[in-house]
Amino acid sequence: MRISDGEETTIEILLSERPRYRPSDPDEEVLDVCHDLNRFAGNSILVTADYGMRLRARAESIEVLQIPQKYFKKNSDVDTGEESSGESEKASRLAVPSAE
């Protein structure tokens, strides 16, 4: 897959041999996928604006970052919790460039 001039990457997709277990809590499913990715690739980073999800991820030893403020809608009522600006800056470096 071509990302931009002179840059290419490969995308690998994990396919399950059986139907995936669907917990009643969607956050639990996201955390399960992070654990699966850590087992498969050795590392994953969850990027979310959900403060509760960030707490749960940290409790399960999953690396997590807050979505940078620049991606929030204007007048957003997103509860960012008490995150450091360093975490948001690190997440902005991971962000995919917009297709403008």
C-alpha atoms as a PDB file:
ATOM      1  CA  MET A   1       0.000   0.000   0.000  1.00  0.00           C
ATOM      2  CA  ARG A   2       1.365   3.401  -0.930  1.00  0.00           C
ATOM      3  CA  ILE A   3       1.126   6.027   1.802  1.00  0.00           C
ATOM      4  CA  SER A   4       2.726   8.995   0.070  1.00  0.00           C
ATOM      5  CA  ASP A   5       5.524   9.647  -2.396  1.00  0.00           C
ATOM      6  CA  GLY A   6       8.354   7.268  -1.636  1.00  0.00           C
ATOM      7  CA  GLU A   7       6.650   5.627   1.360  1.00  0.00           C
ATOM      8  CA  GLU A   8       5.053   2.213   1.369  1.00  0.00           C
ATOM      9  CA  THR A   9       3.805  -0.124   4.077  1.00  0.00           C
ATOM     10  CA  THR A  10       2.281  -3.544   4.463  1.00  0.00           C
ATOM     11  CA  ILE A  11      -0.986  -4.094   6.314  1.00  0.00           C
ATOM     12  CA  GLU A  12      -1.489  -7.463   7.950  1.00  0.00           C
ATOM     13  CA  ILE A  13      -4.971  -8.502   9.052  1.00  0.00           C
ATOM     14  CA  LEU A  14      -5.647 -11.063  11.754  1.00  0.00           C
ATOM     15  CA  LEU A  15      -8.397 -13.441  10.711  1.00  0.00           C
ATOM     16  CA  SER A  16     -10.062 -15.623  13.284  1.00  0.00           C
ATOM     17  CA  GLU A  17     -10.706 -19.280  12.514  1.00  0.00           C
ATOM     18  CA  ARG A  18     -13.974 -19.077  14.402  1.00  0.00           C
ATOM     19  CA  PRO A  19     -16.552 -16.411  15.214  1.00  0.00           C
ATOM     20  CA  ARG A  20     -15.181 -13.843  17.637  1.00  0.00           C
ATOM     21  CA  TYR A  21     -16.505 -13.747  21.193  1.00  0.00           C
ATOM     22  CA  ARG A  22     -18.645 -10.615  21.581  1.00  0.00           C
ATOM     23  CA  PRO A  23     -18.832  -9.421  25.202  1.00  0.00           C
ATOM     24  CA  SER A  24     -21.782  -7.308  26.297  1.00  0.00           C
ATOM     25  CA  ASP A  25     -19.359  -4.438  27.057  1.00  0.00           C
ATOM     26  CA  PRO A  26     -17.852  -2.916  23.860  1.00  0.00           C
ATOM     27  CA  ASP A  27     -14.861  -1.547  25.822  1.00  0.00           C
ATOM     28  CA  GLU A  28     -14.010  -5.095  26.882  1.00  0.00           C
ATOM     29  CA  GLU A  29     -13.937  -6.176  23.238  1.00  0.00           C
ATOM     30  CA  VAL A  30     -11.572  -3.324  22.311  1.00  0.00           C
ATOM     31  CA  LEU A  31      -9.261  -4.269  25.193  1.00  0.00           C
ATOM     32  CA  ASP A  32      -9.377  -7.935  24.107  1.00  0.00           C
ATOM     33  CA  VAL A  33      -8.273  -6.923  20.602  1.00  0.00           C
ATOM     34  CA  CYS A  34      -5.390  -4.879  22.097  1.00  0.00           C
ATOM     35  CA  HIS A  35      -4.268  -7.966  24.039  1.00  0.00           C
ATOM     36  CA  ASP A  36      -4.507 -10.065  20.852  1.00  0.00           C
ATOM     37  CA  LEU A  37      -2.399  -7.513  18.953  1.00  0.00           C
ATOM     38  CA  ASN A  38       0.187  -7.465  21.740  1.00  0.00           C
ATOM     39  CA  ARG A  39       0.476 -11.259  21.540  1.00  0.00           C
ATOM     40  CA  PHE A  40       0.689 -11.179  17.737  1.00  0.00           C
ATOM     41  CA  ALA A  41       2.832  -8.107  17.081  1.00  0.00           C
ATOM     42  CA  GLY A  42       4.476  -7.520  20.437  1.00  0.00           C
ATOM     43  CA  ASN A  43       3.075  -4.017  20.841  1.00  0.00           C
ATOM     44  CA  SER A  44      -0.091  -2.010  20.335  1.00  0.00           C
ATOM     45  CA  ILE A  45      -1.157   1.484  21.335  1.00  0.00           C
ATOM     46  CA  LEU A  46      -4.784   2.354  22.033  1.00  0.00           C
ATOM     47  CA  VAL A  47      -5.643   5.957  21.147  1.00  0.00           C
ATOM     48  CA  THR A  48      -8.969   7.165  22.552  1.00  0.00           C
ATOM     49  CA  ALA A  49     -10.775  10.226  23.890  1.00  0.00           C
ATOM     50  CA  ASP A  50     -12.638   8.073  26.439  1.00  0.00           C
ATOM     51  CA  TYR A  51     -11.193   8.719  29.903  1.00  0.00           C
ATOM     52  CA  GLY A  52     -12.752   5.552  31.360  1.00  0.00           C
ATOM     53  CA  MET A  53     -11.293   3.462  28.545  1.00  0.00           C
ATOM     54  CA  ARG A  54      -7.830   4.936  29.189  1.00  0.00           C
ATOM     55  CA  LEU A  55      -8.109   3.988  32.877  1.00  0.00           C
ATOM     56  CA  ARG A  56      -9.204   0.441  32.049  1.00  0.00           C
ATOM     57  CA  ALA A  57      -6.436   0.028  29.472  1.00  0.00           C
ATOM     58  CA  ARG A  58      -3.785   1.174  31.930  1.00  0.00           C
ATOM     59  CA  ALA A  59      -5.177  -1.213  34.555  1.00  0.00           C
ATOM     60  CA  GLU A  60      -4.650  -4.036  32.030  1.00  0.00           C
ATOM     61  CA  SER A  61      -1.101  -2.844  31.152  1.00  0.00           C
ATOM     62  CA  ILE A  62      -2.088  -1.682  27.652  1.00  0.00           C
ATOM     63  CA  GLU A  63      -0.266   1.387  26.335  1.00  0.00           C
ATOM     64  CA  VAL A  64      -2.839   4.117  25.786  1.00  0.00           C
ATOM     65  CA  LEU A  65      -2.800   7.713  24.572  1.00  0.00           C
ATOM     66  CA  GLN A  66      -5.383  10.478  24.474  1.00  0.00           C
ATOM     67  CA  ILE A  67      -6.551  11.709  21.086  1.00  0.00           C
ATOM     68  CA  PRO A  68      -4.988  15.156  20.540  1.00  0.00           C
ATOM     69  CA  GLN A  69      -7.288  18.145  21.136  1.00  0.00           C
ATOM     70  CA  LYS A  70      -6.910  19.266  17.503  1.00  0.00           C
ATOM     71  CA  TYR A  71      -9.066  16.279  16.430  1.00  0.00           C
ATOM     72  CA  PHE A  72     -11.986  17.122  18.765  1.00  0.00           C
ATOM     73  CA  LYS A  73     -15.014  18.891  17.367  1.00  0.00           C
ATOM     74  CA  LYS A  74     -15.331  22.542  18.321  1.00  0.00           C
ATOM     75  CA  ASN A  75     -17.248  23.018  21.567  1.00  0.00           C
ATOM     76  CA  SER A  76     -16.788  19.318  22.313  1.00  0.00           C
ATOM     77  CA  ASP A  77     -17.823  18.127  25.766  1.00  0.00           C
ATOM     78  CA  VAL A  78     -15.261  15.301  25.772  1.00  0.00           C
ATOM     79  CA  ASP A  79     -13.952  14.579  29.274  1.00  0.00           C
ATOM     80  CA  THR A  80     -10.205  14.436  28.780  1.00  0.00           C
ATOM     81  CA  GLY A  81      -9.492  13.701  32.432  1.00  0.00           C
ATOM     82  CA  GLU A  82      -6.164  14.839  33.779  1.00  0.00           C
ATOM     83  CA  GLU A  83      -3.787  13.824  31.007  1.00  0.00           C
ATOM     84  CA  SER A  84      -0.483  15.502  30.410  1.00  0.00           C
ATOM     85  CA  SER A  85       0.090  17.470  27.242  1.00  0.00           C
ATOM     86  CA  GLY A  86       3.059  15.168  26.559  1.00  0.00           C
ATOM     87  CA  GLU A  87       0.687  12.228  26.082  1.00  0.00           C
ATOM     88  CA  SER A  88      -1.433  14.192  23.629  1.00  0.00           C
ATOM     89  CA  GLU A  89       1.663  15.343  21.745  1.00  0.00           C
ATOM     90  CA  LYS A  90       2.885  11.737  21.444  1.00  0.00           C
ATOM     91  CA  ALA A  91      -0.530  10.706  20.092  1.00  0.00           C
ATOM     92  CA  SER A  92      -0.462  13.509  17.521  1.00  0.00           C
ATOM     93  CA  ARG A  93       2.791  12.099  16.137  1.00  0.00           C
ATOM     94  CA  LEU A  94       0.987   8.760  15.638  1.00  0.00           C
ATOM     95  CA  ALA A  95      -2.002  10.350  13.924  1.00  0.00           C
ATOM     96  CA  VAL A  96      -2.700   9.588  10.285  1.00  0.00           C
ATOM     97  CA  PRO A  97      -2.550  12.708   8.082  1.00  0.00           C
ATOM     98  CA  SER A  98      -5.898  13.887   6.777  1.00  0.00           C
ATOM     99  CA  ALA A  99      -6.782  13.393   3.118  1.00  0.00           C
ATOM    100  CA  GLU A 100      -7.269  17.103   2.451  1.00  0.00           C
END
